[in-house]
Amino acid sequence: MLDVIANRHSLRTYTDEKIEWKKIKVMLGECMQVSSYKNSNYWEFTVEDKDLLHKLSKLHYRSSHISCSNICIAVLGNRDRFIKVGKWVQGLGSCTQNILLEATNQGLASCLGGVFPKTKRVDYVREVLNILENLVPYALIPLGYSDEEFELVNRFNKYKIHINLYEK
């Protein structure tokens, strides 16, 4: 698992190789293992193929790579299942991270595209994907195989760790 965490990084170039549906199911299954407040399981997903990827790539200036991916998972929060204000944001963050880690584990490239809390982005994704009002678009995760090379960077910084009291 530590190798997966260390090797997880954002890639924005994808080959034409198709992703097997079995891998998508495993990713979604892994993210549904996340704890949720009072087991409310407020997550839902849409899995988009090539037809809608071009429209989703217009979300904002840093999302053009979505059109080159093989598939894109939209992570959604179901308002009907929100029990306590704010808890769903943390849960969907964990859920999204599990998808990204499992994608890396399966040899897939991914790049998190933030949607929530930007109102224009939420409204745009809701319109493109025809999402019901009770569902909140939280994130887009384009996926694919990639030939892109990356250099592992050790980001550990001992000055970010504070024991007992915060020290400048």
Protein backbone atom coordinates (compact mmCIF):
# COMPACT_ATOMS: atom_id res chain seq x y z
CA MET A 1 0.00 0.00 0.00
CA LEU A 2 2.86 2.40 0.75
CA ASP A 3 4.14 1.91 -2.80
CA VAL A 4 0.73 2.92 -4.15
CA ILE A 5 0.69 6.05 -1.98
CA ALA A 6 4.26 6.95 -2.98
CA ASN A 7 3.54 6.41 -6.69
CA ARG A 8 0.19 8.22 -6.79
CA HIS A 9 0.50 11.34 -8.92
CA SER A 10 -1.57 13.28 -11.42
CA LEU A 11 -1.13 12.36 -15.07
CA ARG A 12 -2.94 14.26 -17.80
CA THR A 13 -2.04 12.26 -20.91
CA TYR A 14 -3.73 9.01 -21.87
CA THR A 15 -3.39 6.35 -24.54
CA ASP A 16 -6.32 4.97 -26.55
CA GLU A 17 -6.25 1.65 -24.66
CA LYS A 18 -9.68 0.89 -23.18
CA ILE A 19 -10.13 0.36 -19.46
CA GLU A 20 -11.76 -2.92 -18.54
CA TRP A 21 -15.14 -2.52 -16.80
CA LYS A 22 -13.91 -4.93 -14.11
CA LYS A 23 -11.29 -2.37 -13.05
CA ILE A 24 -13.91 0.38 -12.80
CA LYS A 25 -16.11 -1.85 -10.62
CA VAL A 26 -13.18 -2.62 -8.31
CA MET A 27 -12.34 1.10 -7.99
CA LEU A 28 -15.92 2.01 -7.14
CA GLY A 29 -16.17 -0.89 -4.72
CA GLU A 30 -13.00 0.24 -2.92
CA CYS A 31 -14.24 3.80 -2.56
CA MET A 32 -17.54 2.61 -1.10
CA GLN A 33 -15.56 1.07 1.78
CA VAL A 34 -14.95 4.56 3.19
CA SER A 35 -16.53 5.36 6.53
CA SER A 36 -19.44 7.78 6.43
CA TYR A 37 -21.19 9.65 9.21
CA LYS A 38 -23.68 7.24 10.81
CA ASN A 39 -23.17 4.92 7.81
CA SER A 40 -25.15 7.29 5.60
CA ASN A 41 -23.30 6.25 2.41
CA TYR A 42 -24.13 9.50 0.61
CA TRP A 43 -21.97 8.85 -2.46
CA GLU A 44 -23.15 8.13 -5.94
CA PHE A 45 -21.26 8.03 -9.23
CA THR A 46 -21.69 8.49 -12.92
CA VAL A 47 -19.22 6.85 -15.26
CA GLU A 48 -18.87 8.82 -18.45
CA ASP A 49 -17.46 7.53 -21.70
CA LYS A 50 -16.10 9.39 -24.74
CA ASP A 51 -19.42 10.97 -25.74
CA LEU A 52 -19.50 13.44 -22.84
CA LEU A 53 -15.79 13.84 -22.11
CA HIS A 54 -15.34 16.71 -24.54
CA LYS A 55 -18.11 18.72 -22.83
CA LEU A 56 -16.69 17.95 -19.38
CA SER A 57 -13.26 19.13 -20.54
CA LYS A 58 -14.71 22.65 -20.90
CA LEU A 59 -15.31 22.84 -17.13
CA HIS A 60 -12.37 25.22 -16.60
CA TYR A 61 -9.01 26.10 -18.11
CA ARG A 62 -7.16 23.21 -16.37
CA SER A 63 -9.55 20.43 -17.40
CA SER A 64 -8.82 20.01 -21.12
CA HIS A 65 -7.13 16.66 -20.44
CA ILE A 66 -10.52 15.13 -19.60
CA SER A 67 -11.33 14.91 -23.33
CA CYS A 68 -8.25 12.70 -23.86
CA SER A 69 -9.13 10.21 -21.12
CA ASN A 70 -10.92 6.92 -21.74
CA ILE A 71 -13.46 7.37 -19.02
CA CYS A 72 -14.35 9.86 -16.31
CA ILE A 73 -15.92 9.12 -12.95
CA ALA A 74 -18.06 11.88 -11.48
CA VAL A 75 -18.21 11.65 -7.68
CA LEU A 76 -21.56 12.89 -6.40
CA GLY A 77 -23.03 13.56 -2.98
CA ASN A 78 -26.67 12.66 -2.38
CA ARG A 79 -28.24 15.46 -0.31
CA ASP A 80 -31.09 13.16 0.74
CA ARG A 81 -28.52 11.18 2.72
CA PHE A 82 -26.67 14.12 4.34
CA ILE A 83 -27.23 13.86 8.08
CA LYS A 84 -24.90 16.47 9.53
CA VAL A 85 -23.66 19.64 7.82
CA GLY A 86 -20.16 19.29 6.41
CA LYS A 87 -19.58 15.60 7.15
CA TRP A 88 -20.32 14.60 3.56
CA VAL A 89 -17.46 16.76 2.24
CA GLN A 90 -14.93 14.83 4.31
CA GLY A 91 -16.43 11.50 3.31
CA LEU A 92 -16.44 12.30 -0.39
CA GLY A 93 -12.83 13.47 -0.09
CA SER A 94 -11.87 10.08 1.34
CA CYS A 95 -13.97 8.32 -1.28
CA THR A 96 -12.26 10.27 -4.07
CA GLN A 97 -8.82 9.50 -2.65
CA ASN A 98 -9.64 5.77 -2.61
CA ILE A 99 -10.54 5.92 -6.32
CA LEU A 100 -7.26 7.70 -7.10
CA LEU A 101 -5.22 5.18 -5.08
CA GLU A 102 -6.97 2.16 -6.57
CA ALA A 103 -6.44 3.59 -10.06
CA THR A 104 -2.71 3.77 -9.32
CA ASN A 105 -2.81 0.25 -7.90
CA GLN A 106 -4.32 -0.98 -11.18
CA GLY A 107 -1.76 0.79 -13.34
CA LEU A 108 -4.11 3.55 -14.48
CA ALA A 109 -3.40 7.25 -14.81
CA SER A 110 -5.73 9.70 -13.11
CA CYS A 111 -6.00 13.36 -12.24
CA LEU A 112 -8.40 14.85 -9.73
CA GLY A 113 -10.66 17.57 -11.09
CA GLY A 114 -12.28 19.60 -8.34
CA VAL A 115 -15.90 20.64 -8.81
CA PHE A 116 -17.40 21.45 -5.38
CA PRO A 117 -17.64 24.12 -3.88
CA LYS A 118 -17.34 26.27 -7.02
CA THR A 119 -20.96 27.07 -7.92
CA LYS A 120 -20.25 27.61 -11.63
CA ARG A 121 -18.50 24.22 -11.83
CA VAL A 122 -21.24 22.44 -9.88
CA ASP A 123 -23.92 23.94 -12.15
CA TYR A 124 -21.95 23.13 -15.33
CA VAL A 125 -21.38 19.47 -14.41
CA ARG A 126 -24.99 19.12 -13.28
CA GLU A 127 -26.17 20.44 -16.65
CA VAL A 128 -23.78 18.38 -18.82
CA LEU A 129 -24.51 15.13 -16.97
CA ASN A 130 -28.22 15.85 -16.42
CA ILE A 131 -27.80 15.36 -12.67
CA LEU A 132 -30.79 15.68 -10.36
CA GLU A 133 -30.95 18.61 -7.93
CA ASN A 134 -30.51 16.38 -4.87
CA LEU A 135 -27.08 15.27 -6.16
CA VAL A 136 -24.04 17.51 -5.69
CA PRO A 137 -21.18 17.09 -8.18
CA TYR A 138 -18.07 16.88 -5.99
CA ALA A 139 -15.21 15.80 -8.27
CA LEU A 140 -14.32 14.51 -11.72
CA ILE A 141 -11.69 11.80 -12.09
CA PRO A 142 -10.55 11.17 -15.66
CA LEU A 143 -8.88 7.78 -16.07
CA GLY A 144 -6.82 6.00 -18.68
CA TYR A 145 -3.62 4.20 -19.43
CA SER A 146 -0.65 6.51 -19.95
CA ASP A 147 2.82 6.43 -21.43
CA GLU A 148 3.73 9.60 -19.57
CA GLU A 149 6.90 9.33 -17.49
CA PHE A 150 7.12 10.89 -14.06
CA GLU A 151 9.87 11.48 -11.58
CA LEU A 152 9.06 10.53 -8.01
CA VAL A 153 9.56 13.54 -5.74
CA ASN A 154 10.00 13.10 -2.01
CA ARG A 155 7.81 15.84 -0.51
CA PHE A 156 8.59 15.09 3.13
CA ASN A 157 9.28 18.29 5.05
CA LYS A 158 10.09 17.96 8.74
CA TYR A 159 9.22 21.64 9.25
CA LYS A 160 5.55 20.86 8.54
CA ILE A 161 5.40 18.65 11.66
CA HIS A 162 4.70 20.31 15.02
CA ILE A 163 4.75 18.41 18.30
CA ASN A 164 2.26 19.51 20.97
CA LEU A 165 2.21 23.23 20.09
CA TYR A 166 2.49 24.94 16.73
CA GLU A 167 5.89 26.57 16.38
CA LYS A 168 6.84 29.02 13.64
